[in-house]
Amino acid sequence: MKSLLASCRLYGIVDLGYVAPQQVGAVTRALIAGGVRILQLRAKGVELPLVQRLAVEMQAICREHGCIFVLNDYPEMAAAIGADAVHVGQDGGSLAEVRRIVGPGVLVGRSTHSPQQARLAREEGADYIGFGPLFPTGTKPGRAAIGLQDIAAVRAEVGNMPMFCIGGVNGDTLPQVLAAGAERVVIVSWLLQQADIAAAAAAVIARLG
């Protein structure tokens, strides 16, 4: 999984704020068809039985196509269903505790919002980080944007740990993000709202190289 993670440039998120539960399978397949090889289920404020049902559905599709499946927020559920990875925010507890729950074979990602948090995530042994939000974003309303100025320095500091820049990244802002030193990005709402999700994902991946 770590070698596959290292090859990923575009991180996709199937966010139930934008995708109806009955469309999760189709959207997952579209993102994979576009070349995405790491996909997260984000289901904020959703009842846990539905989260688990959708996680199992996404995981099966991802496994069929050689894609890393990431569950957001629920280490215990990730362990129970055998997810490939779990992603936790700053309020998700210590990474040591998360690893105790999911076991050594599961990738662990951490959201970071400053160089200090990125540094700590690396010290705690995160397999990858999200870094942002770079721009204001409707996906995380009320969270202040951190800007682009720290991307290059943080990327150099974390070394070979994958760093996915997130928050307001879209077809228009992507050139700025890449110019600031990003190598990997997360795109959520813009990608999910495209008429042809697969084609849009493929175009972004082509730009990422």
N, C-alpha and C. Protein backbone atom coordinates (compact mmCIF):
# COMPACT_ATOMS: atom_id res chain seq x y z
N MET A 1 0.82 -1.21 0.00
CA MET A 1 0.00 0.00 0.00
C MET A 1 0.86 1.26 0.00
N LYS A 2 1.98 1.21 0.72
CA LYS A 2 2.82 2.41 0.78
C LYS A 2 3.40 2.77 -0.58
N SER A 3 3.75 1.77 -1.36
CA SER A 3 4.29 2.06 -2.69
C SER A 3 3.21 2.62 -3.60
N LEU A 4 2.00 2.12 -3.48
CA LEU A 4 0.89 2.69 -4.25
C LEU A 4 0.61 4.11 -3.80
N LEU A 5 0.61 4.34 -2.49
CA LEU A 5 0.41 5.69 -1.97
C LEU A 5 1.44 6.66 -2.53
N ALA A 6 2.68 6.23 -2.59
CA ALA A 6 3.75 7.11 -3.08
C ALA A 6 3.54 7.52 -4.52
N SER A 7 2.82 6.70 -5.28
CA SER A 7 2.60 7.01 -6.69
C SER A 7 1.38 7.91 -6.92
N CYS A 8 0.58 8.13 -5.89
CA CYS A 8 -0.67 8.89 -6.04
C CYS A 8 -0.40 10.39 -6.07
N ARG A 9 -1.02 11.08 -7.00
CA ARG A 9 -0.90 12.54 -7.11
C ARG A 9 -2.23 13.23 -6.82
N LEU A 10 -3.33 12.61 -7.21
CA LEU A 10 -4.66 13.17 -6.97
C LEU A 10 -5.39 12.27 -5.97
N TYR A 11 -5.81 12.88 -4.87
CA TYR A 11 -6.54 12.18 -3.81
C TYR A 11 -8.00 12.58 -3.96
N GLY A 12 -8.85 11.59 -4.14
CA GLY A 12 -10.27 11.85 -4.32
C GLY A 12 -11.05 11.60 -3.05
N ILE A 13 -12.10 12.38 -2.84
CA ILE A 13 -12.97 12.20 -1.68
C ILE A 13 -14.42 12.12 -2.16
N VAL A 14 -15.08 11.04 -1.79
CA VAL A 14 -16.52 10.91 -2.04
C VAL A 14 -17.19 11.47 -0.78
N ASP A 15 -17.65 12.70 -0.88
CA ASP A 15 -18.18 13.45 0.26
C ASP A 15 -19.71 13.43 0.18
N LEU A 16 -20.34 12.93 1.24
CA LEU A 16 -21.80 12.85 1.22
C LEU A 16 -22.47 14.21 1.30
N GLY A 17 -21.69 15.27 1.48
CA GLY A 17 -22.24 16.61 1.34
C GLY A 17 -22.53 16.96 -0.10
N TYR A 18 -21.94 16.21 -1.03
CA TYR A 18 -22.11 16.46 -2.46
C TYR A 18 -22.65 15.26 -3.22
N VAL A 19 -22.53 14.07 -2.64
CA VAL A 19 -22.91 12.84 -3.33
C VAL A 19 -24.00 12.14 -2.52
N ALA A 20 -25.12 11.84 -3.15
CA ALA A 20 -26.20 11.11 -2.48
C ALA A 20 -25.74 9.68 -2.21
N PRO A 21 -26.20 9.07 -1.12
CA PRO A 21 -25.76 7.72 -0.80
C PRO A 21 -25.93 6.73 -1.95
N GLN A 22 -27.02 6.86 -2.68
CA GLN A 22 -27.27 5.91 -3.77
C GLN A 22 -26.35 6.12 -4.98
N GLN A 23 -25.60 7.25 -4.98
CA GLN A 23 -24.67 7.53 -6.07
C GLN A 23 -23.22 7.23 -5.72
N VAL A 24 -22.99 6.79 -4.50
CA VAL A 24 -21.61 6.57 -4.05
C VAL A 24 -20.87 5.57 -4.93
N GLY A 25 -21.51 4.47 -5.26
CA GLY A 25 -20.86 3.48 -6.10
C GLY A 25 -20.49 4.01 -7.47
N ALA A 26 -21.42 4.72 -8.10
CA ALA A 26 -21.18 5.25 -9.44
C ALA A 26 -20.07 6.31 -9.43
N VAL A 27 -20.08 7.17 -8.42
CA VAL A 27 -19.06 8.21 -8.34
C VAL A 27 -17.69 7.59 -8.05
N THR A 28 -17.66 6.58 -7.20
CA THR A 28 -16.41 5.88 -6.92
C THR A 28 -15.83 5.29 -8.20
N ARG A 29 -16.68 4.64 -8.98
CA ARG A 29 -16.21 4.04 -10.23
C ARG A 29 -15.75 5.10 -11.23
N ALA A 30 -16.43 6.24 -11.27
CA ALA A 30 -16.04 7.31 -12.19
C ALA A 30 -14.66 7.87 -11.82
N LEU A 31 -14.43 8.09 -10.54
CA LEU A 31 -13.13 8.61 -10.11
C LEU A 31 -12.02 7.61 -10.42
N ILE A 32 -12.28 6.35 -10.19
CA ILE A 32 -11.27 5.33 -10.50
C ILE A 32 -11.04 5.26 -12.00
N ALA A 33 -12.11 5.36 -12.79
CA ALA A 33 -11.96 5.36 -14.25
C ALA A 33 -11.10 6.52 -14.73
N GLY A 34 -11.13 7.62 -13.97
CA GLY A 34 -10.30 8.78 -14.32
C GLY A 34 -8.87 8.67 -13.87
N GLY A 35 -8.54 7.60 -13.17
CA GLY A 35 -7.16 7.37 -12.76
C GLY A 35 -6.85 7.59 -11.30
N VAL A 36 -7.86 7.95 -10.50
CA VAL A 36 -7.63 8.16 -9.07
C VAL A 36 -7.33 6.81 -8.41
N ARG A 37 -6.28 6.79 -7.59
CA ARG A 37 -5.88 5.54 -6.94
C ARG A 37 -5.86 5.63 -5.42
N ILE A 38 -6.40 6.71 -4.88
CA ILE A 38 -6.66 6.78 -3.44
C ILE A 38 -7.96 7.55 -3.26
N LEU A 39 -8.90 6.93 -2.57
CA LEU A 39 -10.25 7.48 -2.45
C LEU A 39 -10.74 7.38 -1.01
N GLN A 40 -11.26 8.47 -0.53
CA GLN A 40 -11.77 8.53 0.85
C GLN A 40 -13.29 8.67 0.85
N LEU A 41 -13.91 8.01 1.81
CA LEU A 41 -15.32 8.26 2.11
C LEU A 41 -15.38 9.25 3.25
N ARG A 42 -16.01 10.41 3.00
CA ARG A 42 -16.24 11.40 4.05
C ARG A 42 -17.74 11.49 4.26
N ALA A 43 -18.17 11.21 5.48
CA ALA A 43 -19.61 11.16 5.79
C ALA A 43 -19.86 11.84 7.11
N LYS A 44 -19.75 13.17 7.11
CA LYS A 44 -19.94 13.94 8.33
C LYS A 44 -21.43 13.98 8.71
N GLY A 45 -21.72 13.73 9.98
CA GLY A 45 -23.09 13.84 10.47
C GLY A 45 -24.04 12.79 9.94
N VAL A 46 -23.50 11.67 9.49
CA VAL A 46 -24.31 10.59 8.92
C VAL A 46 -24.36 9.44 9.93
N GLU A 47 -25.51 8.78 10.04
CA GLU A 47 -25.65 7.68 10.98
C GLU A 47 -24.66 6.57 10.66
N LEU A 48 -24.08 6.00 11.70
CA LEU A 48 -22.98 5.05 11.53
C LEU A 48 -23.35 3.80 10.71
N PRO A 49 -24.55 3.24 10.84
CA PRO A 49 -24.85 2.08 9.99
C PRO A 49 -24.76 2.40 8.49
N LEU A 50 -25.19 3.60 8.10
CA LEU A 50 -25.09 3.99 6.70
C LEU A 50 -23.64 4.21 6.31
N VAL A 51 -22.87 4.85 7.18
CA VAL A 51 -21.44 5.04 6.90
C VAL A 51 -20.78 3.69 6.65
N GLN A 52 -21.07 2.73 7.51
CA GLN A 52 -20.43 1.42 7.36
C GLN A 52 -20.87 0.73 6.07
N ARG A 53 -22.15 0.83 5.75
CA ARG A 53 -22.62 0.18 4.51
C ARG A 53 -21.93 0.78 3.29
N LEU A 54 -21.81 2.10 3.26
CA LEU A 54 -21.17 2.76 2.12
C LEU A 54 -19.67 2.49 2.10
N ALA A 55 -19.07 2.41 3.28
CA ALA A 55 -17.64 2.11 3.34
C ALA A 55 -17.35 0.72 2.78
N VAL A 56 -18.18 -0.24 3.14
CA VAL A 56 -18.01 -1.60 2.60
C VAL A 56 -18.19 -1.61 1.09
N GLU A 57 -19.18 -0.85 0.60
CA GLU A 57 -19.41 -0.77 -0.84
C GLU A 57 -18.21 -0.16 -1.55
N MET A 58 -17.72 0.97 -1.05
CA MET A 58 -16.57 1.63 -1.68
C MET A 58 -15.32 0.77 -1.61
N GLN A 59 -15.11 0.15 -0.47
CA GLN A 59 -13.93 -0.68 -0.31
C GLN A 59 -13.89 -1.80 -1.33
N ALA A 60 -15.04 -2.44 -1.57
CA ALA A 60 -15.09 -3.54 -2.54
C ALA A 60 -14.73 -3.04 -3.94
N ILE A 61 -15.25 -1.88 -4.32
CA ILE A 61 -14.96 -1.33 -5.64
C ILE A 61 -13.47 -0.97 -5.73
N CYS A 62 -12.95 -0.32 -4.69
CA CYS A 62 -11.54 0.06 -4.69
C CYS A 62 -10.64 -1.16 -4.79
N ARG A 63 -10.96 -2.18 -4.03
CA ARG A 63 -10.13 -3.39 -4.04
C ARG A 63 -10.15 -4.05 -5.41
N GLU A 64 -11.29 -4.02 -6.05
CA GLU A 64 -11.42 -4.60 -7.39
C GLU A 64 -10.51 -3.91 -8.40
N HIS A 65 -10.25 -2.61 -8.19
CA HIS A 65 -9.52 -1.82 -9.18
C HIS A 65 -8.15 -1.36 -8.69
N GLY A 66 -7.66 -1.92 -7.60
CA GLY A 66 -6.32 -1.56 -7.14
C GLY A 66 -6.21 -0.14 -6.64
N CYS A 67 -7.24 0.32 -5.94
CA CYS A 67 -7.29 1.68 -5.41
C CYS A 67 -7.30 1.61 -3.89
N ILE A 68 -6.57 2.52 -3.23
CA ILE A 68 -6.56 2.57 -1.77
C ILE A 68 -7.88 3.15 -1.28
N PHE A 69 -8.54 2.44 -0.37
CA PHE A 69 -9.77 2.96 0.23
C PHE A 69 -9.47 3.52 1.61
N VAL A 70 -9.87 4.78 1.83
CA VAL A 70 -9.64 5.47 3.09
C VAL A 70 -10.98 5.80 3.73
N LEU A 71 -11.11 5.46 5.00
CA LEU A 71 -12.29 5.86 5.75
C LEU A 71 -11.93 7.06 6.60
N ASN A 72 -12.74 8.09 6.52
CA ASN A 72 -12.51 9.30 7.30
C ASN A 72 -13.15 9.17 8.68
N ASP A 73 -12.37 9.47 9.72
CA ASP A 73 -12.88 9.72 11.08
C ASP A 73 -13.12 8.52 11.99
N TYR A 74 -13.24 7.31 11.50
CA TYR A 74 -13.70 6.20 12.34
C TYR A 74 -12.70 5.04 12.39
N PRO A 75 -11.65 5.16 13.20
CA PRO A 75 -10.65 4.08 13.25
C PRO A 75 -11.23 2.71 13.61
N GLU A 76 -12.16 2.69 14.57
CA GLU A 76 -12.74 1.40 14.97
C GLU A 76 -13.47 0.75 13.81
N MET A 77 -14.23 1.54 13.06
CA MET A 77 -14.94 1.01 11.90
C MET A 77 -13.96 0.58 10.82
N ALA A 78 -12.92 1.37 10.62
CA ALA A 78 -11.91 1.02 9.62
C ALA A 78 -11.29 -0.34 9.94
N ALA A 79 -11.00 -0.55 11.22
CA ALA A 79 -10.43 -1.84 11.63
C ALA A 79 -11.43 -2.97 11.43
N ALA A 80 -12.69 -2.71 11.75
CA ALA A 80 -13.71 -3.75 11.68
C ALA A 80 -13.96 -4.23 10.25
N ILE A 81 -13.91 -3.31 9.30
CA ILE A 81 -14.21 -3.69 7.91
C ILE A 81 -12.96 -3.99 7.10
N GLY A 82 -11.78 -3.79 7.70
CA GLY A 82 -10.53 -4.06 6.99
C GLY A 82 -10.20 -3.01 5.95
N ALA A 83 -10.47 -1.74 6.25
CA ALA A 83 -10.14 -0.66 5.32
C ALA A 83 -8.64 -0.60 5.09
N ASP A 84 -8.25 -0.07 3.93
CA ASP A 84 -6.82 0.07 3.62
C ASP A 84 -6.18 1.18 4.44
N ALA A 85 -6.98 2.21 4.77
CA ALA A 85 -6.43 3.39 5.43
C ALA A 85 -7.52 4.09 6.22
N VAL A 86 -7.08 4.90 7.19
CA VAL A 86 -7.99 5.75 7.94
C VAL A 86 -7.38 7.14 7.98
N HIS A 87 -8.24 8.15 7.92
CA HIS A 87 -7.78 9.54 7.97
C HIS A 87 -8.42 10.23 9.16
N VAL A 88 -7.60 10.92 9.94
CA VAL A 88 -8.11 11.60 11.14
C VAL A 88 -7.71 13.06 11.12
N GLY A 89 -8.56 13.89 11.74
CA GLY A 89 -8.28 15.30 11.87
C GLY A 89 -7.46 15.60 13.09
N GLN A 90 -7.26 16.89 13.35
CA GLN A 90 -6.48 17.29 14.52
C GLN A 90 -7.17 16.89 15.82
N ASP A 91 -8.48 16.72 15.77
CA ASP A 91 -9.21 16.31 16.97
C ASP A 91 -9.41 14.80 17.03
N GLY A 92 -8.66 14.07 16.23
CA GLY A 92 -8.85 12.61 16.15
C GLY A 92 -7.99 11.80 17.09
N GLY A 93 -7.34 12.48 18.06
CA GLY A 93 -6.52 11.76 19.02
C GLY A 93 -5.11 11.54 18.51
N SER A 94 -4.30 10.89 19.33
CA SER A 94 -2.91 10.65 18.95
C SER A 94 -2.84 9.59 17.85
N LEU A 95 -1.83 9.71 17.00
CA LEU A 95 -1.68 8.71 15.95
C LEU A 95 -1.27 7.37 16.52
N ALA A 96 -0.60 7.38 17.66
CA ALA A 96 -0.25 6.11 18.31
C ALA A 96 -1.51 5.35 18.70
N GLU A 97 -2.50 6.06 19.21
CA GLU A 97 -3.75 5.42 19.59
C GLU A 97 -4.51 4.93 18.35
N VAL A 98 -4.51 5.75 17.29
CA VAL A 98 -5.16 5.33 16.05
C VAL A 98 -4.52 4.05 15.53
N ARG A 99 -3.19 3.99 15.54
CA ARG A 99 -2.49 2.79 15.07
C ARG A 99 -2.78 1.58 15.97
N ARG A 100 -2.92 1.81 17.25
CA ARG A 100 -3.26 0.71 18.15
C ARG A 100 -4.59 0.10 17.76
N ILE A 101 -5.52 0.95 17.34
CA ILE A 101 -6.86 0.49 16.98
C ILE A 101 -6.85 -0.24 15.64
N VAL A 102 -6.19 0.35 14.62
CA VAL A 102 -6.31 -0.20 13.26
C VAL A 102 -5.26 -1.26 12.95
N GLY A 103 -4.17 -1.27 13.70
CA GLY A 103 -3.13 -2.25 13.43
C GLY A 103 -2.06 -1.72 12.50
N PRO A 104 -0.94 -2.43 12.41
CA PRO A 104 0.22 -1.92 11.67
C PRO A 104 0.07 -1.93 10.15
N GLY A 105 -0.86 -2.70 9.62
CA GLY A 105 -0.97 -2.81 8.18
C GLY A 105 -1.85 -1.77 7.52
N VAL A 106 -2.46 -0.88 8.30
CA VAL A 106 -3.39 0.12 7.78
C VAL A 106 -2.69 1.47 7.69
N LEU A 107 -2.82 2.13 6.56
CA LEU A 107 -2.25 3.47 6.40
C LEU A 107 -3.02 4.46 7.27
N VAL A 108 -2.29 5.44 7.83
CA VAL A 108 -2.91 6.45 8.67
C VAL A 108 -2.54 7.83 8.13
N GLY A 109 -3.56 8.63 7.83
CA GLY A 109 -3.35 10.00 7.37
C GLY A 109 -3.84 10.99 8.40
N ARG A 110 -3.27 12.19 8.37
CA ARG A 110 -3.63 13.23 9.33
C ARG A 110 -3.85 14.56 8.59
N SER A 111 -4.93 15.26 8.95
CA SER A 111 -5.14 16.62 8.45
C SER A 111 -4.25 17.57 9.23
N THR A 112 -3.56 18.47 8.53
CA THR A 112 -2.72 19.47 9.18
C THR A 112 -3.02 20.84 8.58
N HIS A 113 -2.89 21.86 9.43
CA HIS A 113 -3.27 23.22 9.03
C HIS A 113 -2.17 24.23 9.25
N SER A 114 -0.97 23.76 9.58
CA SER A 114 0.16 24.66 9.81
C SER A 114 1.44 23.85 9.65
N PRO A 115 2.58 24.53 9.45
CA PRO A 115 3.85 23.80 9.40
C PRO A 115 4.11 23.02 10.67
N GLN A 116 3.74 23.57 11.82
CA GLN A 116 3.97 22.88 13.08
C GLN A 116 3.18 21.57 13.15
N GLN A 117 1.92 21.61 12.73
CA GLN A 117 1.12 20.39 12.74
C GLN A 117 1.65 19.36 11.75
N ALA A 118 2.12 19.82 10.60
CA ALA A 118 2.70 18.90 9.62
C ALA A 118 3.94 18.22 10.18
N ARG A 119 4.77 19.01 10.86
CA ARG A 119 5.98 18.47 11.47
C ARG A 119 5.64 17.43 12.54
N LEU A 120 4.65 17.73 13.36
CA LEU A 120 4.25 16.80 14.42
C LEU A 120 3.69 15.51 13.83
N ALA A 121 2.90 15.62 12.77
CA ALA A 121 2.34 14.42 12.14
C ALA A 121 3.46 13.52 11.63
N ARG A 122 4.48 14.12 11.06
CA ARG A 122 5.62 13.32 10.59
C ARG A 122 6.31 12.65 11.76
N GLU A 123 6.51 13.39 12.86
CA GLU A 123 7.17 12.83 14.04
C GLU A 123 6.35 11.70 14.64
N GLU A 124 5.01 11.81 14.55
CA GLU A 124 4.12 10.78 15.10
C GLU A 124 4.01 9.57 14.18
N GLY A 125 4.57 9.66 12.98
CA GLY A 125 4.58 8.51 12.09
C GLY A 125 3.42 8.40 11.13
N ALA A 126 2.79 9.54 10.78
CA ALA A 126 1.73 9.51 9.77
C ALA A 126 2.28 8.97 8.46
N ASP A 127 1.46 8.25 7.74
CA ASP A 127 1.87 7.75 6.42
C ASP A 127 1.73 8.83 5.35
N TYR A 128 0.83 9.78 5.57
CA TYR A 128 0.68 10.92 4.67
C TYR A 128 -0.05 12.02 5.44
N ILE A 129 0.00 13.24 4.90
CA ILE A 129 -0.77 14.33 5.49
C ILE A 129 -1.58 15.04 4.42
N GLY A 130 -2.68 15.63 4.88
CA GLY A 130 -3.36 16.66 4.11
C GLY A 130 -2.91 17.99 4.67
N PHE A 131 -2.65 18.98 3.80
CA PHE A 131 -2.16 20.29 4.25
C PHE A 131 -3.05 21.38 3.67
N GLY A 132 -3.73 22.10 4.55
CA GLY A 132 -4.63 23.14 4.09
C GLY A 132 -5.57 23.58 5.21
N PRO A 133 -6.67 24.25 4.88
CA PRO A 133 -7.12 24.59 3.53
C PRO A 133 -6.34 25.76 2.95
N LEU A 134 -5.91 25.59 1.71
CA LEU A 134 -5.13 26.63 1.06
C LEU A 134 -5.98 27.86 0.76
N PHE A 135 -7.22 27.63 0.34
CA PHE A 135 -8.16 28.69 0.00
C PHE A 135 -9.44 28.47 0.81
N PRO A 136 -10.27 29.50 0.94
CA PRO A 136 -11.59 29.27 1.56
C PRO A 136 -12.34 28.21 0.78
N THR A 137 -13.05 27.34 1.48
CA THR A 137 -13.75 26.25 0.81
C THR A 137 -15.07 25.95 1.49
N GLY A 138 -16.08 25.68 0.68
CA GLY A 138 -17.38 25.32 1.20
C GLY A 138 -17.39 23.96 1.88
N THR A 139 -16.39 23.14 1.58
CA THR A 139 -16.31 21.83 2.22
C THR A 139 -15.99 21.95 3.70
N LYS A 140 -15.26 23.00 4.06
CA LYS A 140 -14.92 23.25 5.47
C LYS A 140 -15.29 24.69 5.81
N PRO A 141 -16.58 25.01 5.87
CA PRO A 141 -16.99 26.39 6.12
C PRO A 141 -16.52 26.88 7.48
N GLY A 142 -16.06 28.13 7.48
CA GLY A 142 -15.62 28.73 8.73
C GLY A 142 -14.16 28.51 9.06
N ARG A 143 -13.48 27.61 8.36
CA ARG A 143 -12.06 27.39 8.63
C ARG A 143 -11.23 28.37 7.83
N ALA A 144 -10.34 29.08 8.47
CA ALA A 144 -9.53 30.09 7.80
C ALA A 144 -8.55 29.43 6.83
N ALA A 145 -8.40 30.05 5.67
CA ALA A 145 -7.42 29.56 4.69
C ALA A 145 -6.01 29.87 5.16
N ILE A 146 -5.08 28.97 4.89
CA ILE A 146 -3.70 29.17 5.33
C ILE A 146 -2.81 29.73 4.23
N GLY A 147 -3.29 29.77 2.98
CA GLY A 147 -2.49 30.33 1.90
C GLY A 147 -1.50 29.34 1.33
N LEU A 148 -0.69 29.84 0.41
CA LEU A 148 0.23 28.99 -0.35
C LEU A 148 1.68 29.11 0.09
N GLN A 149 1.98 30.05 0.97
CA GLN A 149 3.35 30.44 1.22
C GLN A 149 4.21 29.37 1.90
N ASP A 150 3.57 28.41 2.58
CA ASP A 150 4.35 27.40 3.32
C ASP A 150 4.50 26.08 2.59
N ILE A 151 3.89 25.95 1.43
CA ILE A 151 3.84 24.64 0.77
C ILE A 151 5.24 24.10 0.50
N ALA A 152 6.08 24.88 -0.15
CA ALA A 152 7.40 24.38 -0.55
C ALA A 152 8.24 24.01 0.67
N ALA A 153 8.23 24.84 1.70
CA ALA A 153 9.05 24.57 2.89
C ALA A 153 8.56 23.32 3.62
N VAL A 154 7.24 23.18 3.75
CA VAL A 154 6.70 22.01 4.45
C VAL A 154 6.96 20.75 3.65
N ARG A 155 6.79 20.82 2.34
CA ARG A 155 7.07 19.65 1.51
C ARG A 155 8.52 19.20 1.66
N ALA A 156 9.44 20.17 1.69
CA ALA A 156 10.85 19.82 1.87
C ALA A 156 11.10 19.21 3.25
N GLU A 157 10.41 19.73 4.24
CA GLU A 157 10.63 19.26 5.61
C GLU A 157 10.10 17.85 5.84
N VAL A 158 8.95 17.53 5.24
CA VAL A 158 8.38 16.20 5.48
C VAL A 158 9.04 15.14 4.62
N GLY A 159 9.85 15.55 3.68
CA GLY A 159 10.63 14.60 2.90
C GLY A 159 9.78 13.70 2.04
N ASN A 160 9.98 12.39 2.19
CA ASN A 160 9.28 11.45 1.30
C ASN A 160 7.89 11.06 1.81
N MET A 161 7.43 11.67 2.90
CA MET A 161 6.05 11.43 3.34
C MET A 161 5.11 12.18 2.41
N PRO A 162 4.17 11.51 1.74
CA PRO A 162 3.27 12.21 0.82
C PRO A 162 2.48 13.32 1.51
N MET A 163 2.43 14.47 0.87
CA MET A 163 1.73 15.65 1.37
C MET A 163 0.73 16.08 0.31
N PHE A 164 -0.55 15.97 0.64
CA PHE A 164 -1.62 16.31 -0.30
C PHE A 164 -2.19 17.68 0.09
N CYS A 165 -2.06 18.65 -0.80
CA CYS A 165 -2.56 20.00 -0.53
C CYS A 165 -4.07 20.03 -0.80
N ILE A 166 -4.80 20.66 0.09
CA ILE A 166 -6.26 20.57 0.08
C ILE A 166 -6.89 21.92 0.41
N GLY A 167 -8.12 22.09 -0.02
CA GLY A 167 -8.89 23.27 0.37
C GLY A 167 -9.01 24.29 -0.73
N GLY A 168 -10.11 24.25 -1.47
CA GLY A 168 -10.32 25.21 -2.54
C GLY A 168 -9.49 24.94 -3.79
N VAL A 169 -8.92 23.74 -3.89
CA VAL A 169 -8.16 23.39 -5.09
C VAL A 169 -9.15 22.97 -6.17
N ASN A 170 -9.02 23.59 -7.33
CA ASN A 170 -9.93 23.28 -8.45
C ASN A 170 -9.21 23.54 -9.76
N GLY A 171 -9.94 23.46 -10.85
CA GLY A 171 -9.31 23.65 -12.15
C GLY A 171 -8.68 25.02 -12.33
N ASP A 172 -9.23 26.03 -11.67
CA ASP A 172 -8.70 27.39 -11.79
C ASP A 172 -7.51 27.64 -10.86
N THR A 173 -7.57 27.10 -9.64
CA THR A 173 -6.51 27.37 -8.66
C THR A 173 -5.34 26.40 -8.74
N LEU A 174 -5.52 25.27 -9.43
CA LEU A 174 -4.47 24.26 -9.48
C LEU A 174 -3.13 24.82 -9.97
N PRO A 175 -3.08 25.65 -11.03
CA PRO A 175 -1.77 26.17 -11.45
C PRO A 175 -1.04 26.94 -10.35
N GLN A 176 -1.76 27.72 -9.56
CA GLN A 176 -1.14 28.45 -8.46
C GLN A 176 -0.57 27.50 -7.41
N VAL A 177 -1.33 26.46 -7.13
CA VAL A 177 -0.92 25.49 -6.11
C VAL A 177 0.35 24.76 -6.56
N LEU A 178 0.40 24.37 -7.82
CA LEU A 178 1.58 23.70 -8.34
C LEU A 178 2.78 24.64 -8.38
N ALA A 179 2.54 25.89 -8.75
CA ALA A 179 3.62 26.87 -8.80
C ALA A 179 4.21 27.13 -7.41
N ALA A 180 3.38 26.96 -6.38
CA ALA A 180 3.83 27.18 -5.01
C ALA A 180 4.63 26.00 -4.47
N GLY A 181 4.72 24.92 -5.23
CA GLY A 181 5.55 23.79 -4.83
C GLY A 181 4.82 22.50 -4.52
N ALA A 182 3.51 22.48 -4.70
CA ALA A 182 2.76 21.25 -4.43
C ALA A 182 3.05 20.19 -5.48
N GLU A 183 3.04 18.95 -5.04
CA GLU A 183 3.20 17.80 -5.93
C GLU A 183 1.94 16.96 -5.98
N ARG A 184 1.17 17.00 -4.87
CA ARG A 184 -0.04 16.19 -4.74
C ARG A 184 -1.17 17.08 -4.23
N VAL A 185 -2.39 16.80 -4.68
CA VAL A 185 -3.52 17.61 -4.26
C VAL A 185 -4.74 16.74 -3.96
N VAL A 186 -5.63 17.32 -3.16
CA VAL A 186 -6.97 16.77 -2.95
C VAL A 186 -7.95 17.74 -3.59
N ILE A 187 -8.84 17.23 -4.41
CA ILE A 187 -9.90 18.06 -4.99
C ILE A 187 -11.23 17.40 -4.66
N VAL A 188 -12.13 18.17 -4.07
CA VAL A 188 -13.39 17.58 -3.60
C VAL A 188 -14.57 18.14 -4.40
N SER A 189 -15.11 19.28 -3.98
CA SER A 189 -16.38 19.74 -4.53
C SER A 189 -16.31 20.00 -6.03
N TRP A 190 -15.25 20.64 -6.49
CA TRP A 190 -15.14 20.94 -7.93
C TRP A 190 -15.20 19.67 -8.76
N LEU A 191 -14.48 18.64 -8.32
CA LEU A 191 -14.42 17.40 -9.08
C LEU A 191 -15.75 16.67 -9.03
N LEU A 192 -16.37 16.64 -7.86
CA LEU A 192 -17.63 15.91 -7.72
C LEU A 192 -18.78 16.56 -8.49
N GLN A 193 -18.64 17.84 -8.81
CA GLN A 193 -19.71 18.55 -9.51
C GLN A 193 -19.49 18.65 -11.01
N GLN A 194 -18.46 18.00 -11.52
CA GLN A 194 -18.23 18.00 -12.96
C GLN A 194 -19.23 17.09 -13.68
N ALA A 195 -19.60 17.47 -14.88
CA ALA A 195 -20.54 16.65 -15.66
C ALA A 195 -19.92 15.29 -15.99
N ASP A 196 -18.62 15.28 -16.27
CA ASP A 196 -17.90 14.04 -16.56
C ASP A 196 -16.77 13.93 -15.55
N ILE A 197 -17.04 13.26 -14.43
CA ILE A 197 -16.07 13.18 -13.34
C ILE A 197 -14.80 12.45 -13.79
N ALA A 198 -14.96 11.39 -14.54
CA ALA A 198 -13.79 10.61 -14.98
C ALA A 198 -12.87 11.45 -15.84
N ALA A 199 -13.44 12.18 -16.80
CA ALA A 199 -12.63 13.01 -17.70
C ALA A 199 -11.95 14.13 -16.94
N ALA A 200 -12.66 14.73 -15.99
CA ALA A 200 -12.08 15.81 -15.19
C ALA A 200 -10.92 15.29 -14.35
N ALA A 201 -11.09 14.13 -13.73
CA ALA A 201 -10.02 13.54 -12.91
C ALA A 201 -8.81 13.22 -13.78
N ALA A 202 -9.04 12.66 -14.95
CA ALA A 202 -7.94 12.33 -15.84
C ALA A 202 -7.18 13.57 -16.27
N ALA A 203 -7.90 14.66 -16.52
CA ALA A 203 -7.25 15.90 -16.93
C ALA A 203 -6.38 16.46 -15.80
N VAL A 204 -6.88 16.40 -14.57
CA VAL A 204 -6.08 16.88 -13.43
C VAL A 204 -4.83 16.03 -13.26
N ILE A 205 -4.98 14.72 -13.34
CA ILE A 205 -3.83 13.83 -13.17
C ILE A 205 -2.78 14.10 -14.25
N ALA A 206 -3.23 14.38 -15.47
CA ALA A 206 -2.30 14.70 -16.55
C ALA A 206 -1.52 15.97 -16.22
N ARG A 207 -2.18 16.96 -15.61
CA ARG A 207 -1.51 18.21 -15.24
C ARG A 207 -0.53 18.00 -14.09
N LEU A 208 -0.85 17.03 -13.21
CA LEU A 208 0.02 16.75 -12.08
C LEU A 208 1.28 15.97 -12.51
N GLY A 209 1.18 15.26 -13.62
CA GLY A 209 2.32 14.52 -14.12
C GLY A 209 2.50 13.15 -13.48
